Amino acid sequence: MKSTSHYAYLLRCADGTIYSGYTTDPRRRTAAHNRGRGAKYTRSRLPVELVYLEKFATKGEALKREAAFKKLRHVEKTVLIEQGNSNSQELSIFDGLVV
């Protein structure tokens, strides 16, 4: 049985807004956003940059975290990003990804 990692992530859009999402492949998903094939929200705010990433063992956990992200105000998301990433090794793989 294949073990899949699940991620909740934050993207910084070109207009300074922050988008939150869920994926199993942050590199592919960020690239999709930047091709205009991601969320409708990000299509008019390109390019986007992956700025925060958390890894989870289950899809349910990652989706709960994404929902929590969506409830945060912009300033709270900014503080979260500035305080660092709980999975800094994971994010360093994707650091500054604008594909």
PDB file of N, CA and C in Angstrom:
ATOM      1  N   MET A   1       0.839  -1.189   0.000  1.00  0.00           N
ATOM      2  CA  MET A   1       0.000   0.000   0.000  1.00  0.00           C
ATOM      3  C   MET A   1       0.879   1.245   0.000  1.00  0.00           C
ATOM      4  N   LYS A   2       0.602   2.168  -0.893  1.00  0.00           N
ATOM      5  CA  LYS A   2       1.379   3.396  -1.023  1.00  0.00           C
ATOM      6  C   LYS A   2       0.991   4.388   0.069  1.00  0.00           C
ATOM      7  N   SER A   3       1.987   4.991   0.694  1.00  0.00           N
ATOM      8  CA  SER A   3       1.758   5.997   1.717  1.00  0.00           C
ATOM      9  C   SER A   3       1.786   7.377   1.072  1.00  0.00           C
ATOM     10  N   THR A   4       0.699   8.114   1.182  1.00  0.00           N
ATOM     11  CA  THR A   4       0.608   9.440   0.590  1.00  0.00           C
ATOM     12  C   THR A   4       0.625  10.480   1.691  1.00  0.00           C
ATOM     13  N   SER A   5       1.401  11.526   1.483  1.00  0.00           N
ATOM     14  CA  SER A   5       1.391  12.659   2.406  1.00  0.00           C
ATOM     15  C   SER A   5       0.332  13.647   1.944  1.00  0.00           C
ATOM     16  N   HIS A   6      -0.233  14.333   2.895  1.00  0.00           N
ATOM     17  CA  HIS A   6      -1.266  15.329   2.624  1.00  0.00           C
ATOM     18  C   HIS A   6      -0.793  16.653   3.198  1.00  0.00           C
ATOM     19  N   TYR A   7      -1.053  17.740   2.469  1.00  0.00           N
ATOM     20  CA  TYR A   7      -0.540  19.044   2.848  1.00  0.00           C
ATOM     21  C   TYR A   7      -1.638  20.097   2.865  1.00  0.00           C
ATOM     22  N   ALA A   8      -1.569  20.964   3.853  1.00  0.00           N
ATOM     23  CA  ALA A   8      -2.321  22.216   3.851  1.00  0.00           C
ATOM     24  C   ALA A   8      -1.273  23.283   3.569  1.00  0.00           C
ATOM     25  N   TYR A   9      -1.611  24.246   2.708  1.00  0.00           N
ATOM     26  CA  TYR A   9      -0.601  25.212   2.289  1.00  0.00           C
ATOM     27  C   TYR A   9      -1.173  26.605   2.171  1.00  0.00           C
ATOM     28  N   LEU A  10      -0.262  27.572   2.168  1.00  0.00           N
ATOM     29  CA  LEU A  10      -0.617  28.965   1.918  1.00  0.00           C
ATOM     30  C   LEU A  10       0.212  29.466   0.754  1.00  0.00           C
ATOM     31  N   LEU A  11      -0.439  30.191  -0.143  1.00  0.00           N
ATOM     32  CA  LEU A  11       0.226  30.828  -1.272  1.00  0.00           C
ATOM     33  C   LEU A  11       0.117  32.339  -1.113  1.00  0.00           C
ATOM     34  N   ARG A  12       1.184  33.041  -1.425  1.00  0.00           N
ATOM     35  CA  ARG A  12       1.101  34.499  -1.503  1.00  0.00           C
ATOM     36  C   ARG A  12       0.884  34.856  -2.967  1.00  0.00           C
ATOM     37  N   CYS A  13      -0.192  35.573  -3.226  1.00  0.00           N
ATOM     38  CA  CYS A  13      -0.528  35.978  -4.582  1.00  0.00           C
ATOM     39  C   CYS A  13       0.173  37.288  -4.926  1.00  0.00           C
ATOM     40  N   ALA A  14       0.258  37.597  -6.204  1.00  0.00           N
ATOM     41  CA  ALA A  14       0.939  38.799  -6.678  1.00  0.00           C
ATOM     42  C   ALA A  14       0.332  40.072  -6.091  1.00  0.00           C
ATOM     43  N   ASP A  15      -0.949  40.052  -5.773  1.00  0.00           N
ATOM     44  CA  ASP A  15      -1.586  41.241  -5.212  1.00  0.00           C
ATOM     45  C   ASP A  15      -1.459  41.322  -3.692  1.00  0.00           C
ATOM     46  N   GLY A  16      -0.707  40.382  -3.088  1.00  0.00           N
ATOM     47  CA  GLY A  16      -0.469  40.402  -1.647  1.00  0.00           C
ATOM     48  C   GLY A  16      -1.460  39.603  -0.831  1.00  0.00           C
ATOM     49  N   THR A  17      -2.510  39.100  -1.459  1.00  0.00           N
ATOM     50  CA  THR A  17      -3.458  38.275  -0.721  1.00  0.00           C
ATOM     51  C   THR A  17      -2.850  36.897  -0.475  1.00  0.00           C
ATOM     52  N   ILE A  18      -3.461  36.168   0.449  1.00  0.00           N
ATOM     53  CA  ILE A  18      -2.961  34.838   0.803  1.00  0.00           C
ATOM     54  C   ILE A  18      -4.076  33.825   0.567  1.00  0.00           C
ATOM     55  N   TYR A  19      -3.763  32.807  -0.202  1.00  0.00           N
ATOM     56  CA  TYR A  19      -4.711  31.750  -0.549  1.00  0.00           C
ATOM     57  C   TYR A  19      -4.337  30.487   0.218  1.00  0.00           C
ATOM     58  N   SER A  20      -5.332  29.790   0.734  1.00  0.00           N
ATOM     59  CA  SER A  20      -5.065  28.522   1.427  1.00  0.00           C
ATOM     60  C   SER A  20      -5.672  27.370   0.654  1.00  0.00           C
ATOM     61  N   GLY A  21      -4.994  26.228   0.710  1.00  0.00           N
ATOM     62  CA  GLY A  21      -5.478  25.071  -0.017  1.00  0.00           C
ATOM     63  C   GLY A  21      -4.974  23.753   0.549  1.00  0.00           C
ATOM     64  N   TYR A  22      -5.359  22.682  -0.110  1.00  0.00           N
ATOM     65  CA  TYR A  22      -4.987  21.312   0.243  1.00  0.00           C
ATOM     66  C   TYR A  22      -4.432  20.625  -1.000  1.00  0.00           C
ATOM     67  N   THR A  23      -3.438  19.763  -0.806  1.00  0.00           N
ATOM     68  CA  THR A  23      -2.895  18.986  -1.918  1.00  0.00           C
ATOM     69  C   THR A  23      -2.119  17.777  -1.394  1.00  0.00           C
ATOM     70  N   THR A  24      -1.824  16.863  -2.292  1.00  0.00           N
ATOM     71  CA  THR A  24      -0.902  15.765  -1.984  1.00  0.00           C
ATOM     72  C   THR A  24       0.448  16.013  -2.644  1.00  0.00           C
ATOM     73  N   ASP A  25       0.524  17.024  -3.489  1.00  0.00           N
ATOM     74  CA  ASP A  25       1.754  17.327  -4.217  1.00  0.00           C
ATOM     75  C   ASP A  25       1.922  18.848  -4.344  1.00  0.00           C
ATOM     76  N   PRO A  26       2.603  19.480  -3.393  1.00  0.00           N
ATOM     77  CA  PRO A  26       2.731  20.943  -3.398  1.00  0.00           C
ATOM     78  C   PRO A  26       3.375  21.510  -4.661  1.00  0.00           C
ATOM     79  N   ARG A  27       4.384  20.843  -5.199  1.00  0.00           N
ATOM     80  CA  ARG A  27       5.055  21.342  -6.404  1.00  0.00           C
ATOM     81  C   ARG A  27       4.086  21.360  -7.593  1.00  0.00           C
ATOM     82  N   ARG A  28       3.389  20.262  -7.795  1.00  0.00           N
ATOM     83  CA  ARG A  28       2.435  20.169  -8.894  1.00  0.00           C
ATOM     84  C   ARG A  28       1.300  21.174  -8.722  1.00  0.00           C
ATOM     85  N   ARG A  29       0.800  21.294  -7.504  1.00  0.00           N
ATOM     86  CA  ARG A  29      -0.336  22.181  -7.248  1.00  0.00           C
ATOM     87  C   ARG A  29       0.042  23.649  -7.442  1.00  0.00           C
ATOM     88  N   THR A  30       1.224  24.042  -6.963  1.00  0.00           N
ATOM     89  CA  THR A  30       1.672  25.421  -7.147  1.00  0.00           C
ATOM     90  C   THR A  30       1.846  25.720  -8.631  1.00  0.00           C
ATOM     91  N   ALA A  31       2.419  24.774  -9.360  1.00  0.00           N
ATOM     92  CA  ALA A  31       2.585  24.943 -10.811  1.00  0.00           C
ATOM     93  C   ALA A  31       1.224  25.084 -11.484  1.00  0.00           C
ATOM     94  N   ALA A  32       0.249  24.296 -11.050  1.00  0.00           N
ATOM     95  CA  ALA A  32      -1.095  24.380 -11.630  1.00  0.00           C
ATOM     96  C   ALA A  32      -1.700  25.756 -11.374  1.00  0.00           C
ATOM     97  N   HIS A  33      -1.541  26.262 -10.170  1.00  0.00           N
ATOM     98  CA  HIS A  33      -2.040  27.615  -9.868  1.00  0.00           C
ATOM     99  C   HIS A  33      -1.392  28.621 -10.820  1.00  0.00           C
ATOM    100  N   ASN A  34      -0.084  28.532 -10.997  1.00  0.00           N
ATOM    101  CA  ASN A  34       0.636  29.499 -11.825  1.00  0.00           C
ATOM    102  C   ASN A  34       0.338  29.362 -13.312  1.00  0.00           C
ATOM    103  N   ARG A  35      -0.209  28.240 -13.736  1.00  0.00           N
ATOM    104  CA  ARG A  35      -0.653  28.075 -15.124  1.00  0.00           C
ATOM    105  C   ARG A  35      -2.105  28.518 -15.304  1.00  0.00           C
ATOM    106  N   GLY A  36      -2.718  28.991 -14.219  1.00  0.00           N
ATOM    107  CA  GLY A  36      -4.118  29.389 -14.276  1.00  0.00           C
ATOM    108  C   GLY A  36      -5.073  28.222 -14.176  1.00  0.00           C
ATOM    109  N   ARG A  37      -4.561  27.061 -13.781  1.00  0.00           N
ATOM    110  CA  ARG A  37      -5.367  25.840 -13.678  1.00  0.00           C
ATOM    111  C   ARG A  37      -5.638  25.463 -12.228  1.00  0.00           C
ATOM    112  N   GLY A  38      -5.322  26.355 -11.317  1.00  0.00           N
ATOM    113  CA  GLY A  38      -5.579  26.093  -9.897  1.00  0.00           C
ATOM    114  C   GLY A  38      -6.972  26.567  -9.545  1.00  0.00           C
ATOM    115  N   ALA A  39      -7.074  27.294  -8.482  1.00  0.00           N
ATOM    116  CA  ALA A  39      -8.364  27.821  -8.044  1.00  0.00           C
ATOM    117  C   ALA A  39      -8.742  29.069  -8.828  1.00  0.00           C
ATOM    118  N   LYS A  40     -10.028  29.297  -8.959  1.00  0.00           N
ATOM    119  CA  LYS A  40     -10.521  30.490  -9.641  1.00  0.00           C
ATOM    120  C   LYS A  40      -9.958  31.748  -8.972  1.00  0.00           C
ATOM    121  N   TYR A  41      -9.844  31.723  -7.651  1.00  0.00           N
ATOM    122  CA  TYR A  41      -9.349  32.871  -6.895  1.00  0.00           C
ATOM    123  C   TYR A  41      -7.959  33.299  -7.350  1.00  0.00           C
ATOM    124  N   THR A  42      -7.082  32.342  -7.605  1.00  0.00           N
ATOM    125  CA  THR A  42      -5.691  32.686  -7.917  1.00  0.00           C
ATOM    126  C   THR A  42      -5.471  33.058  -9.383  1.00  0.00           C
ATOM    127  N   ARG A  43      -6.391  32.731 -10.258  1.00  0.00           N
ATOM    128  CA  ARG A  43      -6.197  32.963 -11.703  1.00  0.00           C
ATOM    129  C   ARG A  43      -5.886  34.408 -12.058  1.00  0.00           C
ATOM    130  N   SER A  44      -6.518  35.338 -11.385  1.00  0.00           N
ATOM    131  CA  SER A  44      -6.292  36.756 -11.694  1.00  0.00           C
ATOM    132  C   SER A  44      -5.254  37.392 -10.768  1.00  0.00           C
ATOM    133  N   ARG A  45      -4.575  36.564  -9.979  1.00  0.00           N
ATOM    134  CA  ARG A  45      -3.617  37.076  -9.002  1.00  0.00           C
ATOM    135  C   ARG A  45      -2.241  36.435  -9.174  1.00  0.00           C
ATOM    136  N   LEU A  46      -1.877  36.126 -10.389  1.00  0.00           N
ATOM    137  CA  LEU A  46      -0.626  35.425 -10.678  1.00  0.00           C
ATOM    138  C   LEU A  46       0.541  36.389 -10.795  1.00  0.00           C
ATOM    139  N   PRO A  47       1.756  35.929 -10.507  1.00  0.00           N
ATOM    140  CA  PRO A  47       2.094  34.584 -10.057  1.00  0.00           C
ATOM    141  C   PRO A  47       1.846  34.421  -8.562  1.00  0.00           C
ATOM    142  N   VAL A  48       1.807  33.170  -8.137  1.00  0.00           N
ATOM    143  CA  VAL A  48       1.687  32.855  -6.717  1.00  0.00           C
ATOM    144  C   VAL A  48       2.972  32.187  -6.260  1.00  0.00           C
ATOM    145  N   GLU A  49       3.221  32.281  -4.953  1.00  0.00           N
ATOM    146  CA  GLU A  49       4.415  31.672  -4.376  1.00  0.00           C
ATOM    147  C   GLU A  49       4.012  30.863  -3.148  1.00  0.00           C
ATOM    148  N   LEU A  50       4.497  29.646  -3.050  1.00  0.00           N
ATOM    149  CA  LEU A  50       4.253  28.808  -1.885  1.00  0.00           C
ATOM    150  C   LEU A  50       5.037  29.382  -0.710  1.00  0.00           C
ATOM    151  N   VAL A  51       4.327  29.801   0.356  1.00  0.00           N
ATOM    152  CA  VAL A  51       5.009  30.447   1.480  1.00  0.00           C
ATOM    153  C   VAL A  51       4.840  29.705   2.798  1.00  0.00           C
ATOM    154  N   TYR A  52       3.937  28.740   2.856  1.00  0.00           N
ATOM    155  CA  TYR A  52       3.733  28.001   4.097  1.00  0.00           C
ATOM    156  C   TYR A  52       3.166  26.630   3.770  1.00  0.00           C
ATOM    157  N   LEU A  53       3.659  25.624   4.483  1.00  0.00           N
ATOM    158  CA  LEU A  53       3.292  24.241   4.183  1.00  0.00           C
ATOM    159  C   LEU A  53       3.292  23.435   5.460  1.00  0.00           C
ATOM    160  N   GLU A  54       2.231  22.669   5.679  1.00  0.00           N
ATOM    161  CA  GLU A  54       2.172  21.725   6.791  1.00  0.00           C
ATOM    162  C   GLU A  54       1.825  20.347   6.236  1.00  0.00           C
ATOM    163  N   LYS A  55       2.506  19.346   6.744  1.00  0.00           N
ATOM    164  CA  LYS A  55       2.334  17.970   6.272  1.00  0.00           C
ATOM    165  C   LYS A  55       1.519  17.163   7.280  1.00  0.00           C
ATOM    166  N   PHE A  56       0.622  16.325   6.757  1.00  0.00           N
ATOM    167  CA  PHE A  56      -0.245  15.504   7.592  1.00  0.00           C
ATOM    168  C   PHE A  56      -0.274  14.068   7.078  1.00  0.00           C
ATOM    169  N   ALA A  57      -0.598  13.154   7.963  1.00  0.00           N
ATOM    170  CA  ALA A  57      -0.665  11.738   7.605  1.00  0.00           C
ATOM    171  C   ALA A  57      -1.970  11.396   6.896  1.00  0.00           C
ATOM    172  N   THR A  58      -3.031  12.151   7.203  1.00  0.00           N
ATOM    173  CA  THR A  58      -4.324  11.831   6.602  1.00  0.00           C
ATOM    174  C   THR A  58      -4.919  13.044   5.886  1.00  0.00           C
ATOM    175  N   LYS A  59      -5.764  12.759   4.927  1.00  0.00           N
ATOM    176  CA  LYS A  59      -6.453  13.807   4.182  1.00  0.00           C
ATOM    177  C   LYS A  59      -7.356  14.614   5.112  1.00  0.00           C
ATOM    178  N   GLY A  60      -8.034  13.932   6.011  1.00  0.00           N
ATOM    179  CA  GLY A  60      -8.942  14.607   6.940  1.00  0.00           C
ATOM    180  C   GLY A  60      -8.244  15.647   7.794  1.00  0.00           C
ATOM    181  N   GLU A  61      -7.059  15.292   8.295  1.00  0.00           N
ATOM    182  CA  GLU A  61      -6.289  16.244   9.106  1.00  0.00           C
ATOM    183  C   GLU A  61      -5.895  17.472   8.289  1.00  0.00           C
ATOM    184  N   ALA A  62      -5.432  17.238   7.068  1.00  0.00           N
ATOM    185  CA  ALA A  62      -5.005  18.343   6.205  1.00  0.00           C
ATOM    186  C   ALA A  62      -6.191  19.234   5.837  1.00  0.00           C
ATOM    187  N   LEU A  63      -7.335  18.635   5.553  1.00  0.00           N
ATOM    188  CA  LEU A  63      -8.513  19.424   5.208  1.00  0.00           C
ATOM    189  C   LEU A  63      -9.013  20.240   6.400  1.00  0.00           C
ATOM    190  N   LYS A  64      -8.899  19.691   7.603  1.00  0.00           N
ATOM    191  CA  LYS A  64      -9.272  20.449   8.802  1.00  0.00           C
ATOM    192  C   LYS A  64      -8.359  21.657   8.966  1.00  0.00           C
ATOM    193  N   ARG A  65      -7.075  21.463   8.718  1.00  0.00           N
ATOM    194  CA  ARG A  65      -6.122  22.572   8.845  1.00  0.00           C
ATOM    195  C   ARG A  65      -6.393  23.630   7.772  1.00  0.00           C
ATOM    196  N   GLU A  66      -6.694  23.188   6.552  1.00  0.00           N
ATOM    197  CA  GLU A  66      -7.033  24.136   5.493  1.00  0.00           C
ATOM    198  C   GLU A  66      -8.251  24.967   5.903  1.00  0.00           C
ATOM    199  N   ALA A  67      -9.259  24.321   6.459  1.00  0.00           N
ATOM    200  CA  ALA A  67     -10.461  25.037   6.908  1.00  0.00           C
ATOM    201  C   ALA A  67     -10.107  26.044   7.998  1.00  0.00           C
ATOM    202  N   ALA A  68      -9.187  25.671   8.880  1.00  0.00           N
ATOM    203  CA  ALA A  68      -8.743  26.601   9.921  1.00  0.00           C
ATOM    204  C   ALA A  68      -8.015  27.793   9.312  1.00  0.00           C
ATOM    205  N   PHE A  69      -7.186  27.543   8.299  1.00  0.00           N
ATOM    206  CA  PHE A  69      -6.503  28.634   7.592  1.00  0.00           C
ATOM    207  C   PHE A  69      -7.528  29.628   7.035  1.00  0.00           C
ATOM    208  N   LYS A  70      -8.566  29.100   6.424  1.00  0.00           N
ATOM    209  CA  LYS A  70      -9.561  29.944   5.760  1.00  0.00           C
ATOM    210  C   LYS A  70     -10.301  30.846   6.747  1.00  0.00           C
ATOM    211  N   LYS A  71     -10.334  30.463   8.012  1.00  0.00           N
ATOM    212  CA  LYS A  71     -11.003  31.267   9.038  1.00  0.00           C
ATOM    213  C   LYS A  71     -10.105  32.376   9.589  1.00  0.00           C
ATOM    214  N   LEU A  72      -8.822  32.314   9.310  1.00  0.00           N
ATOM    215  CA  LEU A  72      -7.893  33.321   9.811  1.00  0.00           C
ATOM    216  C   LEU A  72      -8.007  34.612   9.017  1.00  0.00           C
ATOM    217  N   ARG A  73      -7.773  35.723   9.695  1.00  0.00           N
ATOM    218  CA  ARG A  73      -7.683  37.011   9.001  1.00  0.00           C
ATOM    219  C   ARG A  73      -6.324  37.085   8.321  1.00  0.00           C
ATOM    220  N   HIS A  74      -6.197  38.008   7.380  1.00  0.00           N
ATOM    221  CA  HIS A  74      -4.947  38.170   6.637  1.00  0.00           C
ATOM    222  C   HIS A  74      -3.761  38.378   7.579  1.00  0.00           C
ATOM    223  N   VAL A  75      -3.914  39.224   8.560  1.00  0.00           N
ATOM    224  CA  VAL A  75      -2.818  39.515   9.491  1.00  0.00           C
ATOM    225  C   VAL A  75      -2.414  38.255  10.264  1.00  0.00           C
ATOM    226  N   GLU A  76      -3.363  37.410  10.608  1.00  0.00           N
ATOM    227  CA  GLU A  76      -3.060  36.169  11.325  1.00  0.00           C
ATOM    228  C   GLU A  76      -2.289  35.193  10.436  1.00  0.00           C
ATOM    229  N   LYS A  77      -2.655  35.132   9.157  1.00  0.00           N
ATOM    230  CA  LYS A  77      -1.921  34.282   8.217  1.00  0.00           C
ATOM    231  C   LYS A  77      -0.501  34.807   8.038  1.00  0.00           C
ATOM    232  N   THR A  78      -0.358  36.127   7.980  1.00  0.00           N
ATOM    233  CA  THR A  78       0.964  36.738   7.832  1.00  0.00           C
ATOM    234  C   THR A  78       1.847  36.405   9.025  1.00  0.00           C
ATOM    235  N   VAL A  79       1.307  36.484  10.219  1.00  0.00           N
ATOM    236  CA  VAL A  79       2.064  36.143  11.432  1.00  0.00           C
ATOM    237  C   VAL A  79       2.476  34.675  11.389  1.00  0.00           C
ATOM    238  N   LEU A  80       1.582  33.816  10.994  1.00  0.00           N
ATOM    239  CA  LEU A  80       1.881  32.385  10.881  1.00  0.00           C
ATOM    240  C   LEU A  80       3.051  32.152   9.931  1.00  0.00           C
ATOM    241  N   ILE A  81       3.013  32.816   8.781  1.00  0.00           N
ATOM    242  CA  ILE A  81       4.090  32.687   7.793  1.00  0.00           C
ATOM    243  C   ILE A  81       5.398  33.214   8.360  1.00  0.00           C
ATOM    244  N   GLU A  82       5.344  34.380   9.006  1.00  0.00           N
ATOM    245  CA  GLU A  82       6.554  35.003   9.547  1.00  0.00           C
ATOM    246  C   GLU A  82       7.161  34.214  10.699  1.00  0.00           C
ATOM    247  N   GLN A  83       6.320  33.556  11.487  1.00  0.00           N
ATOM    248  CA  GLN A  83       6.812  32.770  12.616  1.00  0.00           C
ATOM    249  C   GLN A  83       7.525  31.510  12.163  1.00  0.00           C
ATOM    250  N   GLY A  84       7.356  31.186  10.923  1.00  0.00           N
ATOM    251  CA  GLY A  84       8.048  30.016  10.398  1.00  0.00           C
ATOM    252  C   GLY A  84       7.118  28.867  10.156  1.00  0.00           C
ATOM    253  N   ASN A  85       7.687  27.879   9.583  1.00  0.00           N
ATOM    254  CA  ASN A  85       6.939  26.715   9.163  1.00  0.00           C
ATOM    255  C   ASN A  85       7.244  25.543  10.061  1.00  0.00           C
ATOM    256  N   SER A  86       6.220  24.843  10.492  1.00  0.00           N
ATOM    257  CA  SER A  86       6.425  23.680  11.352  1.00  0.00           C
ATOM    258  C   SER A  86       7.118  22.547  10.601  1.00  0.00           C
ATOM    259  N   ASN A  87       7.115  22.621   9.288  1.00  0.00           N
ATOM    260  CA  ASN A  87       7.781  21.617   8.456  1.00  0.00           C
ATOM    261  C   ASN A  87       8.816  22.313   7.580  1.00  0.00           C
ATOM    262  N   SER A  88       9.759  23.017   8.202  1.00  0.00           N
ATOM    263  CA  SER A  88      10.694  23.846   7.445  1.00  0.00           C
ATOM    264  C   SER A  88      11.492  23.039   6.428  1.00  0.00           C
ATOM    265  N   GLN A  89      11.796  21.780   6.727  1.00  0.00           N
ATOM    266  CA  GLN A  89      12.511  20.955   5.751  1.00  0.00           C
ATOM    267  C   GLN A  89      11.639  20.713   4.527  1.00  0.00           C
ATOM    268  N   GLU A  90      10.367  20.467   4.743  1.00  0.00           N
ATOM    269  CA  GLU A  90       9.449  20.261   3.627  1.00  0.00           C
ATOM    270  C   GLU A  90       9.374  21.508   2.766  1.00  0.00           C
ATOM    271  N   LEU A  91       9.199  22.676   3.396  1.00  0.00           N
ATOM    272  CA  LEU A  91       9.052  23.906   2.642  1.00  0.00           C
ATOM    273  C   LEU A  91      10.327  24.259   1.904  1.00  0.00           C
ATOM    274  N   SER A  92      11.489  23.962   2.488  1.00  0.00           N
ATOM    275  CA  SER A  92      12.744  24.313   1.827  1.00  0.00           C
ATOM    276  C   SER A  92      12.869  23.617   0.470  1.00  0.00           C
ATOM    277  N   ILE A  93      12.247  22.476   0.331  1.00  0.00           N
ATOM    278  CA  ILE A  93      12.251  21.764  -0.946  1.00  0.00           C
ATOM    279  C   ILE A  93      11.519  22.596  -1.996  1.00  0.00           C
ATOM    280  N   PHE A  94      10.480  23.294  -1.551  1.00  0.00           N
ATOM    281  CA  PHE A  94       9.616  24.052  -2.457  1.00  0.00           C
ATOM    282  C   PHE A  94       9.810  25.552  -2.329  1.00  0.00           C
ATOM    283  N   ASP A  95      10.801  25.983  -1.551  1.00  0.00           N
ATOM    284  CA  ASP A  95      11.002  27.398  -1.225  1.00  0.00           C
ATOM    285  C   ASP A  95      11.002  28.278  -2.465  1.00  0.00           C
ATOM    286  N   GLY A  96      10.171  29.298  -2.425  1.00  0.00           N
ATOM    287  CA  GLY A  96      10.129  30.282  -3.510  1.00  0.00           C
ATOM    288  C   GLY A  96       9.620  29.714  -4.826  1.00  0.00           C
ATOM    289  N   LEU A  97       8.867  28.649  -4.763  1.00  0.00           N
ATOM    290  CA  LEU A  97       8.413  27.989  -5.981  1.00  0.00           C
ATOM    291  C   LEU A  97       7.448  28.860  -6.760  1.00  0.00           C
ATOM    292  N   VAL A  98       7.872  29.311  -7.886  1.00  0.00           N
ATOM    293  CA  VAL A  98       7.021  30.010  -8.844  1.00  0.00           C
ATOM    294  C   VAL A  98       7.315  29.356 -10.179  1.00  0.00           C
ATOM    295  N   VAL A  99       6.468  28.426 -10.574  1.00  0.00           N
ATOM    296  CA  VAL A  99       6.735  27.639 -11.771  1.00  0.00           C
ATOM    297  C   VAL A  99       5.983  28.204 -12.958  1.00  0.00           C
TER     298      VAL A  99
END
